[in-house]
Each structure stands twice: as structure tokens, then as C-alpha cells.
Amino acid sequence: MNRNEAITALVNYALEKELIEQEEKVWAVNRILEVMQADSFSWEESAKGKEADLTEILDTLIDDAYERGVLEENSVVYRDLFDTKLMGSLTPRPVQVMKKFQQLQEEFSQRATDWYYQFSQDTNYIRKDRVAKDIRWKTETEYGEIDISINQSKPEKDPKAIAAARNQPASDYPRCMLCEENVGYAGRLNYPARQNHRIVPVIINNTDWYLQYSPYVYYNEHCICFNKVHTPMKIDKACFAKLLDFVRQFPHYFVGSNADLPIVGGSILAHDHFQGGHYTFAMERAPIETEISFEGYEDVKAGIVKWPMSVIRLSAKEPERLVDLADKILGSWRGYTDEAAMILAETDGEPHNTITPIARRRGEDFELDLVLRNNLTTPDHPLGIYHPHEEFHHIKKENIGLIEVMGLAILPGRLKKELEAVEEKLLSGEDMTEDPLTKSHAKWAADIAANYEITAENVKEIVQKETGIVFSKVLEQAGVYKRTPEGKEAFLRFINQV
């Protein structure tokens, strides 16, 4: 494919995906030529009618730009900045997207999100080709079938771009990765381009918020709902009301919030936001293990969920009842100490207790899961008592955030090569302690070898299964109440004092 063919194909793609109208074809060509810094073009009729692969089209144009010196470096960061600029030249204006979404939402909220999710893929904001590289499987555990993924969609760091970024002046614009200032932003070597990024306004609990999709979708229709105002994350009564109002408007979506404290919180604590989507997580399928009740809230169905973490599930027809009871539980948990269960509300004035809340609809009922969290650290567990312990860091060392709380492991990209190397050595019987790829997994792999009859046909399945089991144990470690008679007794102590 040459440059003219690629430009023709890109314009045809934009027409097919309804990013532009027929009357805008010449304008679209000129926009692309401006980005390409090219001053001539002729339509390639041979490109018409062909099924165009967007990745191939963009790669052709980027390669051409690099060959002509328009693109400074032929590496992933520079290429991403350039192809986003190309797509941004064809992406409808923000107000057009907002009006389309609002028009569809007035008809039926799922129609609006269906369109918006497809639009976010068509503009290459969600890079489908990269998301497809993520490795995913399911593992059966005592808590049901949990999801495991090894993230491959985020591009690896580019050494040249990192070096060049050091020479760039410091910038506080956009203020953070979630602020509306990202819409249409050109990006820089240390910040992603967002010319093809569009957000839509939503009002939840009488406050102005925006909705967008995650560019690295970890599950179907992985959306982010964020406060119009750059304000810190806070779990409080208003947060519960917002979550439940969101699922009132979008009953086909779940929505949840990361906790508001370090270690047990998300990666962006400075900007209030939720994550949601059209996906059924293992935690949602998990049953009530122990029914409980709260005085004065007999109309609210409540129970402890059969789950590795400590979850109270509330369900009622009236969302306001859930908001009131959740606020009561949160207030009690914030100040709760039970030294026998190693739960301290604070040390030296630093608070430790908070909640990860998740809202959904179940038929006509509103449902709220409250996951009790604590970020206490000790000399033995400097990263957190209720955090993956060192014995499992070879698989998972990072914080357990909202998505993983619900039963979807997002494991680091390094594991692709490491687990492949483990599989090879399990088959060959080679020593794993000398190879940097397998050294950290050696003890775990030895246990696997002792417990299975390993063959070339089953080795991958066994390693994946055991990886999933490690993740379920990591979730148990993140649970503040252990799944033992003593742990259950301590959990009920807290509930009774609420």
C-alpha cells in the first residue's frame, strides 16, 4: 500500500464508520495531508471497496512520514503520537459526540453506550489490535470461576522517548489523566496524545460528571466516570448515592469506586472517579454465605458474600435505604479497632479503614457490595498486611484495586515470557534458579512439578490454573477477615456493633 492508497483507504474508513459525511471527503483528505506534511494526492480507486484494516493503513502512513523525515523517531511513543494526530483529524467535534450520545440516551441508555463504545473503537481511541494481545483465561476456584489476564496492550517504555522527555519542561497541563483538558490534547513524549478522545456529560446525584471508556479495556465496555472538577477520591455518603444513581440511569452497567486510601486505593487518588462496564464479574455471581440484618433496616436484605475478601452485600428496592445503611456501616468501620483481629482504625493519626463499594442492578432491586479494606503496614509486611504477601510477589506484587477485588486479575506483562519459560523448564526438568526469567518462580514451580504429571499437552493449562489459584490466595490475603472460624467470628463482631 502506498501513501495515496492509504489516504484513500483512511477516508473510506472514516466514511464507513460515519466519522465524516460524503460532503467532507475533500476536507478529510486535506486534514490528513496537513498531518502528513504532504502537498499532493490522487484518489486511488483501486482502494475503494476493499476491507481496510485500520492498523495497516496507519502503519503505512507512519512509515511514509518517517521515511520523509516528518516523524523524528520510528519508535512506539513517536508512532502513537503521530497516528493519534491522524485519527484526531477525522474525529467529530466534542459537541457533536455529546449531542449524539444525549439523543440516544433519551431513547434508551444502552443504545447510547453501545454507540459510544463502538465510536471509541472506530476512532482508534480504544486500540483493538493491542487489546487483542492481552492473554486471558478463567480458573475454577472455591469462589467460582475467576478471570485472569496478563496485560500486553500497554506499550512498553521507549528508552529514546524517556531520554528525550527528560529535556522537556515540566507541565501541569492536563492536570491529570482524567481531567477534561485531555479532550483533543496533542500529547508529548511523556504524556499520551488524545486528539481522538471524546467524553460525554452525565449528571449523577445532581453533580456534573463525564463518561469515557478506558483506552486499555480490561473487560467489556470498561468505562470511567469522573467528576468534572479535579477533586480527590472520597468514599462517603455522597459517593454511595452517586454510584446508585449511575446504575439507575445505566441499569445494564455495574459501577464501583476504588478506595480512597493508599495501598488499597487506585492509581489515581487525586481525581474523583468510578469504573464500570457491561460485564459480570465472579464476585457478582458469588452467593450470600451468611445472612445478616441491621436494626432499623429490616427492609434491606443483607449478607456476607462467599468471597476471599470481606464483603457485605446490601439489596433493596429503594436506593436511598442503601445509601443510609452504607453510610452507617462506613462510619462505623472508619473508627473500628479490633486488635485481636489485627484491625486498627489508625496509628499516629493516620487512618487505615475504608471501603471499596460496587453498585449494580439485580432485576428491579439496587445492590451494593461493600468491601472492607485496611492499609495497615508492619515491619513484616511493609507493603501492607492486607496486600499480596512476598511469597506471591513473583505473580502479583501490585495493589489490589477495584477490578481485582471483583475477581479479574490484571497481571504484569512480564509474566508472558516468564510463564512460558516456566512451562519449558517444567517439561525439560531444567534448574530454574539460575535463569532470570524463572528464578522467582522456582519454588512455586517445584510444587507444581510435585503435584502433577506434566506433559507437553497439559503444561500450559496447569501453569495457568496454578497462576489463577495464586491470585485467589492473594485476594484472601487482601481480605481483612480471614476465612477461618476465628475470622468469621471477628467479622460478625464488627457487624453486630454496627
Protein backbone atom coordinates (compact mmCIF):
# COMPACT_ATOMS: atom_id res chain seq x y z
CA MET A 1 0.00 0.00 0.00
CA ASN A 2 1.42 3.41 -0.97
CA ARG A 3 0.62 6.79 0.58
CA ASN A 4 -2.20 7.67 -1.82
CA GLU A 5 -3.80 4.27 -1.34
CA ALA A 6 -3.52 4.60 2.44
CA ILE A 7 -5.07 8.09 2.47
CA THR A 8 -7.88 6.90 0.20
CA ALA A 9 -8.44 3.88 2.45
CA LEU A 10 -8.44 6.04 5.60
CA VAL A 11 -11.04 8.42 4.15
CA ASN A 12 -13.17 5.44 3.07
CA TYR A 13 -12.80 4.00 6.59
CA ALA A 14 -13.95 7.31 8.11
CA LEU A 15 -16.98 7.31 5.79
CA GLU A 16 -17.84 3.70 6.61
CA LYS A 17 -17.62 4.37 10.36
CA GLU A 18 -19.65 7.61 9.97
CA LEU A 19 -16.87 9.77 11.36
CA ILE A 20 -17.33 12.06 8.34
CA GLU A 21 -20.07 12.69 5.72
CA GLN A 22 -19.75 12.24 1.94
CA GLU A 23 -19.56 16.01 1.53
CA GLU A 24 -16.49 16.11 3.78
CA LYS A 25 -14.24 13.80 1.74
CA VAL A 26 -12.04 16.54 0.26
CA TRP A 27 -11.79 18.27 3.62
CA ALA A 28 -10.77 14.95 5.20
CA VAL A 29 -8.03 14.41 2.60
CA ASN A 30 -6.67 17.89 3.25
CA ARG A 31 -6.68 17.33 7.01
CA ILE A 32 -4.65 14.13 6.53
CA LEU A 33 -2.24 15.86 4.13
CA GLU A 34 -1.68 18.58 6.72
CA VAL A 35 -0.70 16.00 9.35
CA MET A 36 1.45 14.13 6.81
CA GLN A 37 3.10 17.41 5.68
CA ALA A 38 2.44 16.29 2.12
CA ASP A 39 1.19 18.60 -0.64
CA SER A 40 -0.10 16.25 -3.32
CA PHE A 41 -2.67 13.49 -3.57
CA SER A 42 -4.65 11.50 -6.11
CA TRP A 43 -7.56 9.19 -5.37
CA GLU A 44 -6.64 5.53 -5.71
CA GLU A 45 -9.83 3.94 -6.99
CA SER A 46 -8.26 0.51 -6.51
CA ALA A 47 -8.55 1.07 -2.76
CA LYS A 48 -12.32 1.55 -2.93
CA GLY A 49 -14.46 -1.29 -1.77
CA LYS A 50 -11.56 -3.09 -0.10
CA GLU A 51 -11.91 -4.18 3.51
CA ALA A 52 -9.42 -1.77 5.07
CA ASP A 53 -7.51 -2.79 8.17
CA LEU A 54 -7.04 0.39 10.19
CA THR A 55 -3.75 -0.74 11.72
CA GLU A 56 -2.29 -1.45 8.26
CA ILE A 57 -3.49 1.92 6.93
CA LEU A 58 -1.98 3.85 9.84
CA ASP A 59 1.27 1.88 9.75
CA THR A 60 1.65 2.71 6.04
CA LEU A 61 1.18 6.43 6.70
CA ILE A 62 3.52 6.43 9.70
CA ASP A 63 6.21 4.58 7.74
CA ASP A 64 5.87 7.10 4.92
CA ALA A 65 6.16 10.01 7.37
CA TYR A 66 9.28 8.50 8.92
CA GLU A 67 10.93 7.88 5.54
CA ARG A 68 10.39 11.54 4.61
CA GLY A 69 11.72 12.84 7.93
CA VAL A 70 8.30 14.08 9.14
CA LEU A 71 8.42 11.59 12.03
CA GLU A 72 11.54 12.10 14.12
CA GLU A 73 11.89 8.57 15.51
CA ASN A 74 10.41 5.27 14.40
CA SER A 75 9.51 4.02 17.89
CA VAL A 76 6.25 3.28 19.69
CA VAL A 77 5.87 6.61 21.54
CA TYR A 78 6.51 8.70 18.42
CA ARG A 79 4.31 6.45 16.29
CA ASP A 80 1.46 6.66 18.83
CA LEU A 81 1.65 10.45 18.92
CA PHE A 82 1.52 10.55 15.12
CA ASP A 83 -1.27 8.06 14.42
CA THR A 84 -3.43 9.68 17.13
CA LYS A 85 -2.94 13.01 15.37
CA LEU A 86 -4.07 11.38 12.11
CA MET A 87 -7.20 9.91 13.72
CA GLY A 88 -7.87 13.15 15.58
CA SER A 89 -8.05 14.96 12.23
CA LEU A 90 -11.08 12.81 11.35
CA THR A 91 -12.77 12.58 14.75
CA PRO A 92 -16.03 14.55 15.10
CA ARG A 93 -16.01 17.64 17.33
CA PRO A 94 -16.76 17.06 21.04
CA VAL A 95 -20.18 18.75 20.94
CA GLN A 96 -21.27 16.51 18.04
CA VAL A 97 -20.41 13.43 20.07
CA MET A 98 -22.13 14.78 23.18
CA LYS A 99 -25.34 15.61 21.29
CA LYS A 100 -25.44 12.17 19.64
CA PHE A 101 -24.97 10.41 22.99
CA GLN A 102 -27.62 12.52 24.73
CA GLN A 103 -30.09 11.98 21.90
CA LEU A 104 -29.62 8.19 22.11
CA GLN A 105 -29.71 8.25 25.91
CA GLU A 106 -33.14 9.89 25.82
CA GLU A 107 -34.34 6.93 23.75
CA PHE A 108 -32.61 4.13 25.68
CA SER A 109 -29.42 4.29 27.76
CA GLN A 110 -27.99 1.03 26.41
CA ARG A 111 -28.35 2.30 22.84
CA ALA A 112 -26.26 5.32 23.85
CA THR A 113 -23.47 3.28 25.43
CA ASP A 114 -23.48 0.74 22.56
CA TRP A 115 -22.93 3.57 20.08
CA TYR A 116 -20.34 5.37 22.20
CA TYR A 117 -18.30 2.21 22.85
CA GLN A 118 -18.21 1.41 19.13
CA PHE A 119 -17.32 5.02 18.34
CA SER A 120 -14.39 4.87 20.80
CA GLN A 121 -13.06 1.82 18.93
CA ASP A 122 -13.71 3.27 15.46
CA THR A 123 -11.64 6.37 16.26
CA ASN A 124 -8.80 4.11 17.49
CA TYR A 125 -9.03 5.65 20.96
CA ILE A 126 -9.51 2.06 22.09
CA ARG A 127 -6.77 0.26 20.18
CA LYS A 128 -8.48 -3.03 19.43
CA ASP A 129 -5.35 -4.51 17.88
CA ARG A 130 -3.43 -4.06 21.14
CA VAL A 131 -6.25 -5.12 23.46
CA ALA A 132 -6.46 -8.35 21.44
CA LYS A 133 -2.89 -9.15 22.52
CA ASP A 134 -3.87 -9.42 26.19
CA ILE A 135 -3.68 -13.01 27.44
CA ARG A 136 -6.89 -14.11 29.17
CA TRP A 137 -8.20 -17.27 30.76
CA LYS A 138 -10.53 -18.43 33.53
CA THR A 139 -9.63 -20.50 36.58
CA GLU A 140 -12.07 -22.52 38.67
CA THR A 141 -11.65 -21.82 42.40
CA GLU A 142 -13.68 -22.45 45.53
CA TYR A 143 -15.15 -18.98 44.92
CA GLY A 144 -16.29 -19.79 41.40
CA GLU A 145 -14.66 -19.09 38.07
CA ILE A 146 -12.34 -16.08 38.28
CA ASP A 147 -10.79 -14.16 35.37
CA ILE A 148 -7.05 -13.93 34.82
CA SER A 149 -5.36 -11.57 32.36
CA ILE A 150 -1.76 -10.74 31.54
CA ASN A 151 -1.65 -7.20 30.24
CA GLN A 152 0.01 -6.84 26.85
CA SER A 153 -1.92 -3.84 25.49
CA LYS A 154 0.07 -1.05 27.12
CA PRO A 155 3.16 -0.38 25.01
CA GLU A 156 6.50 -0.93 26.71
CA LYS A 157 8.59 2.06 27.72
CA ASP A 158 10.59 3.58 24.86
CA PRO A 159 14.16 4.36 26.03
CA LYS A 160 14.69 7.09 23.42
CA ALA A 161 11.42 8.79 24.31
CA ILE A 162 12.23 8.56 28.03
CA ALA A 163 15.60 10.20 27.41
CA ALA A 164 14.07 12.94 25.23
CA ALA A 165 11.27 13.56 27.75
CA ARG A 166 13.84 14.49 30.40
CA ASN A 167 14.64 17.60 28.38
CA GLN A 168 11.02 18.70 28.16
CA PRO A 169 9.85 21.45 30.52
CA ALA A 170 7.69 20.34 33.43
CA SER A 171 3.99 20.70 32.78
CA ASP A 172 0.86 20.57 34.91
CA TYR A 173 -1.43 20.55 31.88
CA PRO A 174 -3.53 18.49 31.64
CA ARG A 175 -3.74 18.47 35.39
CA CYS A 176 -4.19 14.68 35.43
CA MET A 177 -5.04 11.81 33.07
CA LEU A 178 -8.77 12.14 33.87
CA CYS A 179 -9.35 15.89 33.56
CA GLU A 180 -11.46 17.16 30.66
CA GLU A 181 -8.34 19.05 29.46
CA ASN A 182 -7.34 15.74 27.83
CA VAL A 183 -10.02 16.06 25.14
CA GLY A 184 -8.17 16.78 21.89
CA TYR A 185 -4.79 17.20 23.62
CA ALA A 186 -1.83 16.62 21.29
CA GLY A 187 0.27 14.81 23.88
CA ARG A 188 4.03 14.89 24.33
CA LEU A 189 6.82 12.37 24.79
CA ASN A 190 5.87 11.74 28.42
CA TYR A 191 2.10 12.08 28.00
CA PRO A 192 -0.24 10.25 25.57
CA ALA A 193 -1.88 12.02 22.65
CA ARG A 194 -5.65 12.43 22.94
CA GLN A 195 -6.78 14.16 19.73
CA ASN A 196 -9.27 11.32 19.18
CA HIS A 197 -10.55 11.39 22.76
CA ARG A 198 -14.16 12.43 23.36
CA ILE A 199 -16.13 12.47 26.62
CA VAL A 200 -19.86 12.75 27.27
CA PRO A 201 -21.53 14.56 30.18
CA VAL A 202 -23.64 12.75 32.78
CA ILE A 203 -25.35 14.16 35.84
CA ILE A 204 -25.20 11.85 38.85
CA ASN A 205 -26.67 12.80 42.21
CA ASN A 206 -27.16 16.37 40.88
CA THR A 207 -23.47 16.89 40.14
CA ASP A 208 -21.65 17.26 36.81
CA TRP A 209 -19.57 14.27 35.76
CA TYR A 210 -18.23 12.88 32.48
CA LEU A 211 -18.22 9.40 31.00
CA GLN A 212 -15.48 7.88 28.84
CA TYR A 213 -14.05 4.46 28.09
CA SER A 214 -10.68 3.18 29.22
CA PRO A 215 -8.28 3.08 26.26
CA TYR A 216 -6.98 -0.23 27.65
CA VAL A 217 -10.27 -2.05 28.20
CA TYR A 218 -9.73 -4.75 30.83
CA TYR A 219 -13.25 -6.13 30.28
CA ASN A 220 -16.28 -5.46 28.07
CA GLU A 221 -17.23 -1.76 27.89
CA HIS A 222 -14.76 -0.79 30.60
CA CYS A 223 -15.86 2.78 31.30
CA ILE A 224 -14.61 5.54 33.57
CA CYS A 225 -16.99 8.07 35.10
CA PHE A 226 -15.17 11.10 36.51
CA ASN A 227 -16.01 14.30 38.34
CA LYS A 228 -15.95 17.43 36.17
CA VAL A 229 -13.97 19.07 38.99
CA HIS A 230 -10.47 17.84 39.80
CA THR A 231 -11.17 16.78 43.37
CA PRO A 232 -9.68 13.94 45.47
CA MET A 233 -11.26 10.50 45.75
CA LYS A 234 -13.54 10.23 48.74
CA ILE A 235 -15.68 7.36 49.95
CA ASP A 236 -18.66 8.91 51.74
CA LYS A 237 -22.45 9.04 51.71
CA ALA A 238 -22.48 11.13 48.53
CA CYS A 239 -20.27 8.54 46.83
CA PHE A 240 -22.80 5.78 47.54
CA ALA A 241 -25.61 8.00 46.23
CA LYS A 242 -23.68 8.71 43.01
CA LEU A 243 -22.95 5.03 42.38
CA LEU A 244 -26.59 4.07 42.81
CA ASP A 245 -27.81 6.99 40.69
CA PHE A 246 -25.44 5.88 37.93
CA VAL A 247 -26.91 2.36 37.80
CA ARG A 248 -30.40 3.88 37.92
CA GLN A 249 -29.58 5.65 34.66
CA PHE A 250 -27.48 2.82 33.18
CA PRO A 251 -29.04 -0.35 34.62
CA HIS A 252 -27.07 -2.59 32.23
CA TYR A 253 -23.77 -1.41 33.78
CA PHE A 254 -22.16 -2.04 37.15
CA VAL A 255 -20.13 0.80 38.68
CA GLY A 256 -17.68 0.89 41.56
CA SER A 257 -15.08 3.06 43.20
CA ASN A 258 -11.54 2.34 44.27
CA ALA A 259 -10.93 3.00 47.95
CA ASP A 260 -9.69 6.42 49.00
CA LEU A 261 -6.51 5.41 50.85
CA PRO A 262 -3.05 4.48 49.52
CA ILE A 263 -2.17 0.77 49.10
CA VAL A 264 -5.83 -0.30 48.99
CA GLY A 265 -6.84 2.51 46.63
CA GLY A 266 -6.43 3.04 42.90
CA SER A 267 -3.59 4.56 40.94
CA ILE A 268 -5.30 7.95 40.60
CA LEU A 269 -6.44 9.18 44.02
CA ALA A 270 -6.27 12.88 43.12
CA HIS A 271 -9.33 12.89 40.83
CA ASP A 272 -12.67 11.50 41.97
CA HIS A 273 -13.78 8.77 39.56
CA PHE A 274 -15.57 5.46 39.23
CA GLN A 275 -15.10 2.48 36.92
CA GLY A 276 -17.93 0.50 35.42
CA GLY A 277 -18.97 -1.51 32.42
CA HIS A 278 -21.07 -4.24 30.88
CA TYR A 279 -19.52 -7.30 32.44
CA THR A 280 -20.43 -9.91 35.06
CA PHE A 281 -17.56 -10.47 37.47
CA ALA A 282 -17.09 -13.54 39.65
CA MET A 283 -17.93 -11.52 42.77
CA GLU A 284 -21.35 -10.64 41.36
CA ARG A 285 -22.04 -14.36 40.83
CA ALA A 286 -20.85 -15.23 44.35
CA PRO A 287 -23.73 -16.14 46.71
CA ILE A 288 -24.59 -14.84 50.16
CA GLU A 289 -22.85 -17.12 52.65
CA THR A 290 -24.30 -15.75 55.89
CA GLU A 291 -27.49 -13.72 56.10
CA ILE A 292 -27.34 -10.74 58.45
CA SER A 293 -29.65 -7.87 59.38
CA PHE A 294 -29.26 -4.34 60.68
CA GLU A 295 -31.62 -2.86 63.23
CA GLY A 296 -33.87 -0.24 61.69
CA TYR A 297 -33.11 -1.55 58.19
CA GLU A 298 -35.16 -4.72 58.16
CA ASP A 299 -36.36 -3.82 54.64
CA VAL A 300 -32.77 -4.12 53.38
CA LYS A 301 -31.64 -7.63 52.53
CA ALA A 302 -28.07 -8.10 53.79
CA GLY A 303 -25.43 -10.78 53.99
CA ILE A 304 -21.77 -11.75 53.96
CA VAL A 305 -20.69 -12.83 50.48
CA LYS A 306 -18.81 -16.10 49.88
CA TRP A 307 -15.71 -14.38 48.59
CA PRO A 308 -11.99 -14.30 49.51
CA MET A 309 -12.26 -10.66 50.56
CA SER A 310 -14.60 -9.34 53.27
CA VAL A 311 -17.80 -8.25 51.52
CA ILE A 312 -21.15 -7.09 52.91
CA ARG A 313 -23.91 -7.16 50.29
CA LEU A 314 -26.96 -4.90 50.64
CA SER A 315 -30.06 -5.07 48.44
CA ALA A 316 -33.29 -3.05 48.39
CA LYS A 317 -35.91 -1.54 46.10
CA GLU A 318 -35.21 1.97 47.36
CA PRO A 319 -31.63 3.18 46.72
CA GLU A 320 -31.94 5.79 49.48
CA ARG A 321 -32.17 3.00 52.06
CA LEU A 322 -28.92 1.51 50.79
CA VAL A 323 -27.22 4.91 50.90
CA ASP A 324 -28.22 5.45 54.54
CA LEU A 325 -27.20 1.98 55.69
CA ALA A 326 -23.94 2.01 53.72
CA ASP A 327 -23.07 5.36 55.32
CA LYS A 328 -23.78 3.92 58.76
CA ILE A 329 -21.53 0.91 58.05
CA LEU A 330 -18.76 3.12 56.63
CA GLY A 331 -18.86 5.46 59.62
CA SER A 332 -18.62 2.52 61.98
CA TRP A 333 -15.79 0.89 60.01
CA ARG A 334 -13.74 4.12 59.80
CA GLY A 335 -13.40 4.19 63.58
CA TYR A 336 -13.36 0.45 64.26
CA THR A 337 -10.46 -1.25 66.01
CA ASP A 338 -10.21 -4.94 66.89
CA GLU A 339 -6.66 -5.67 67.96
CA ALA A 340 -7.38 -9.40 68.29
CA ALA A 341 -8.19 -9.43 64.55
CA MET A 342 -5.26 -7.10 63.71
CA ILE A 343 -7.54 -4.27 62.64
CA LEU A 344 -6.51 -0.79 63.74
CA ALA A 345 -8.57 2.25 62.76
CA GLU A 346 -5.49 4.47 62.90
CA THR A 347 -1.87 4.70 64.01
CA ASP A 348 -0.25 8.03 64.86
CA GLY A 349 -3.29 9.83 63.46
CA GLU A 350 -3.09 8.06 60.09
CA PRO A 351 -6.44 6.41 59.18
CA HIS A 352 -6.41 2.81 57.93
CA ASN A 353 -10.02 1.72 57.40
CA THR A 354 -12.07 2.40 54.28
CA ILE A 355 -14.39 0.65 51.82
CA THR A 356 -14.36 -0.35 48.14
CA PRO A 357 -18.03 -0.04 47.05
CA ILE A 358 -19.65 -1.61 43.95
CA ALA A 359 -23.21 -0.92 42.76
CA ARG A 360 -25.38 -2.82 40.29
CA ARG A 361 -28.98 -3.61 39.48
CA ARG A 362 -30.39 -7.08 40.02
CA GLY A 363 -33.74 -7.01 38.33
CA GLU A 364 -35.67 -4.14 39.89
CA ASP A 365 -33.52 -4.14 43.02
CA PHE A 366 -30.49 -1.97 43.70
CA GLU A 367 -27.50 -3.86 45.07
CA LEU A 368 -24.44 -2.50 46.84
CA ASP A 369 -21.36 -4.53 47.76
CA LEU A 370 -19.19 -3.01 50.50
CA VAL A 371 -15.68 -4.48 50.57
CA LEU A 372 -13.94 -3.72 53.87
CA ARG A 373 -10.33 -2.51 53.38
CA ASN A 374 -7.43 -1.70 55.68
CA ASN A 375 -3.99 -0.37 54.66
CA LEU A 376 -2.03 -1.07 57.85
CA THR A 377 1.68 -1.86 57.35
CA THR A 378 4.12 -3.63 59.67
CA PRO A 379 7.87 -4.36 59.55
CA ASP A 380 7.00 -7.90 58.38
CA HIS A 381 4.63 -6.55 55.72
CA PRO A 382 5.93 -3.11 54.70
CA LEU A 383 3.66 -3.01 51.62
CA GLY A 384 0.58 -3.79 53.70
CA ILE A 385 -0.81 -6.61 55.83
CA TYR A 386 -3.88 -6.82 53.57
CA HIS A 387 -1.87 -6.73 50.36
CA PRO A 388 -0.20 -9.50 48.32
CA HIS A 389 2.43 -11.06 50.58
CA GLU A 390 6.01 -11.52 49.46
CA GLU A 391 5.58 -15.26 48.81
CA PHE A 392 3.29 -14.37 45.87
CA HIS A 393 5.15 -11.34 44.51
CA HIS A 394 6.53 -13.49 41.70
CA ILE A 395 2.96 -13.45 40.30
CA LYS A 396 1.37 -10.34 41.83
CA LYS A 397 3.02 -7.51 43.76
CA GLU A 398 0.85 -4.55 42.77
CA ASN A 399 -2.09 -3.11 44.70
CA ILE A 400 -5.43 -4.92 44.66
CA GLY A 401 -7.79 -2.34 43.19
CA LEU A 402 -11.47 -2.33 42.31
CA ILE A 403 -11.28 -4.58 39.24
CA GLU A 404 -9.23 -7.23 41.01
CA VAL A 405 -11.40 -7.05 44.12
CA MET A 406 -14.26 -8.25 41.89
CA GLY A 407 -12.27 -11.23 40.57
CA LEU A 408 -10.34 -10.15 37.48
CA ALA A 409 -6.57 -10.37 37.85
CA ILE A 410 -4.57 -7.81 35.88
CA LEU A 411 -1.14 -9.39 35.98
CA PRO A 412 2.05 -7.66 34.79
CA GLY A 413 3.18 -8.09 31.18
CA ARG A 414 6.49 -9.66 32.30
CA LEU A 415 4.60 -12.88 33.09
CA LYS A 416 4.08 -13.76 29.45
CA LYS A 417 7.76 -14.60 28.91
CA GLU A 418 8.31 -15.80 32.48
CA LEU A 419 5.46 -18.31 32.49
CA GLU A 420 6.44 -19.57 29.03
CA ALA A 421 9.96 -20.17 30.40
CA VAL A 422 8.49 -21.96 33.46
CA GLU A 423 6.49 -24.22 31.13
CA GLU A 424 9.59 -25.09 29.11
CA LYS A 425 11.62 -25.95 32.20
CA LEU A 426 8.80 -27.98 33.75
CA LEU A 427 8.88 -30.11 30.62
CA SER A 428 12.67 -30.36 30.39
CA GLY A 429 13.32 -30.67 34.13
CA GLU A 430 15.96 -27.94 33.97
CA ASP A 431 17.00 -25.99 37.05
CA MET A 432 15.02 -22.77 37.37
CA THR A 433 17.14 -20.99 39.96
CA GLU A 434 19.78 -19.72 37.53
CA ASP A 435 17.55 -18.32 34.77
CA PRO A 436 16.43 -14.69 35.44
CA LEU A 437 13.08 -15.48 33.80
CA THR A 438 12.29 -18.38 36.14
CA LYS A 439 14.33 -17.69 39.27
CA SER A 440 11.50 -16.01 41.19
CA HIS A 441 9.09 -18.81 40.24
CA ALA A 442 11.39 -21.72 41.15
CA LYS A 443 9.82 -22.76 44.48
CA TRP A 444 6.27 -22.42 43.12
CA ALA A 445 7.20 -24.40 40.01
CA ALA A 446 8.77 -27.16 42.14
CA ASP A 447 5.45 -27.57 43.96
CA ILE A 448 3.66 -27.77 40.63
CA ALA A 449 6.07 -30.45 39.39
CA ALA A 450 5.50 -32.49 42.56
CA ASN A 451 1.70 -32.39 42.24
CA TYR A 452 1.12 -33.05 38.53
CA GLU A 453 2.02 -35.49 35.79
CA ILE A 454 3.21 -32.87 33.31
CA THR A 455 3.11 -33.35 29.55
CA ALA A 456 3.54 -31.08 26.54
CA GLU A 457 -0.23 -31.21 26.10
CA ASN A 458 -1.20 -30.10 29.62
CA VAL A 459 1.68 -27.91 30.84
CA LYS A 460 0.17 -24.58 29.78
CA GLU A 461 -3.22 -25.42 31.28
CA ILE A 462 -1.60 -26.48 34.57
CA VAL A 463 0.55 -23.33 34.84
CA GLN A 464 -2.47 -21.13 34.06
CA LYS A 465 -4.60 -22.97 36.62
CA GLU A 466 -1.94 -22.60 39.33
CA THR A 467 -1.50 -18.91 38.45
CA GLY A 468 -5.23 -18.42 38.98
CA ILE A 469 -5.07 -20.22 42.32
CA VAL A 470 -2.24 -17.89 43.41
CA PHE A 471 -4.47 -14.94 42.57
CA SER A 472 -7.33 -16.33 44.66
CA LYS A 473 -4.86 -16.66 47.58
CA VAL A 474 -3.72 -13.07 47.01
CA LEU A 475 -7.35 -11.97 47.32
CA GLU A 476 -7.61 -13.91 50.60
CA GLN A 477 -4.57 -12.01 51.86
CA ALA A 478 -6.26 -8.74 50.90
CA GLY A 479 -9.33 -9.71 52.91
CA VAL A 480 -9.38 -8.12 56.37
CA TYR A 481 -11.26 -11.07 57.87
CA LYS A 482 -9.74 -14.47 57.10
CA ARG A 483 -11.92 -17.35 56.00
CA THR A 484 -11.50 -19.27 59.25
CA PRO A 485 -13.87 -19.77 62.21
CA GLU A 486 -11.92 -17.05 64.06
CA GLY A 487 -12.11 -14.73 61.05
CA LYS A 488 -15.86 -15.21 60.66
CA GLU A 489 -16.39 -14.61 64.38
CA ALA A 490 -14.40 -11.37 64.14
CA PHE A 491 -16.39 -10.29 61.04
CA LEU A 492 -19.66 -10.84 62.93
CA ARG A 493 -18.28 -8.83 65.89
CA PHE A 494 -17.95 -5.85 63.60
CA ILE A 495 -21.41 -6.33 62.07
CA ASN A 496 -23.06 -6.71 65.49
CA GLN A 497 -21.54 -3.48 66.79
CA VAL A 498 -22.76 -1.56 63.69
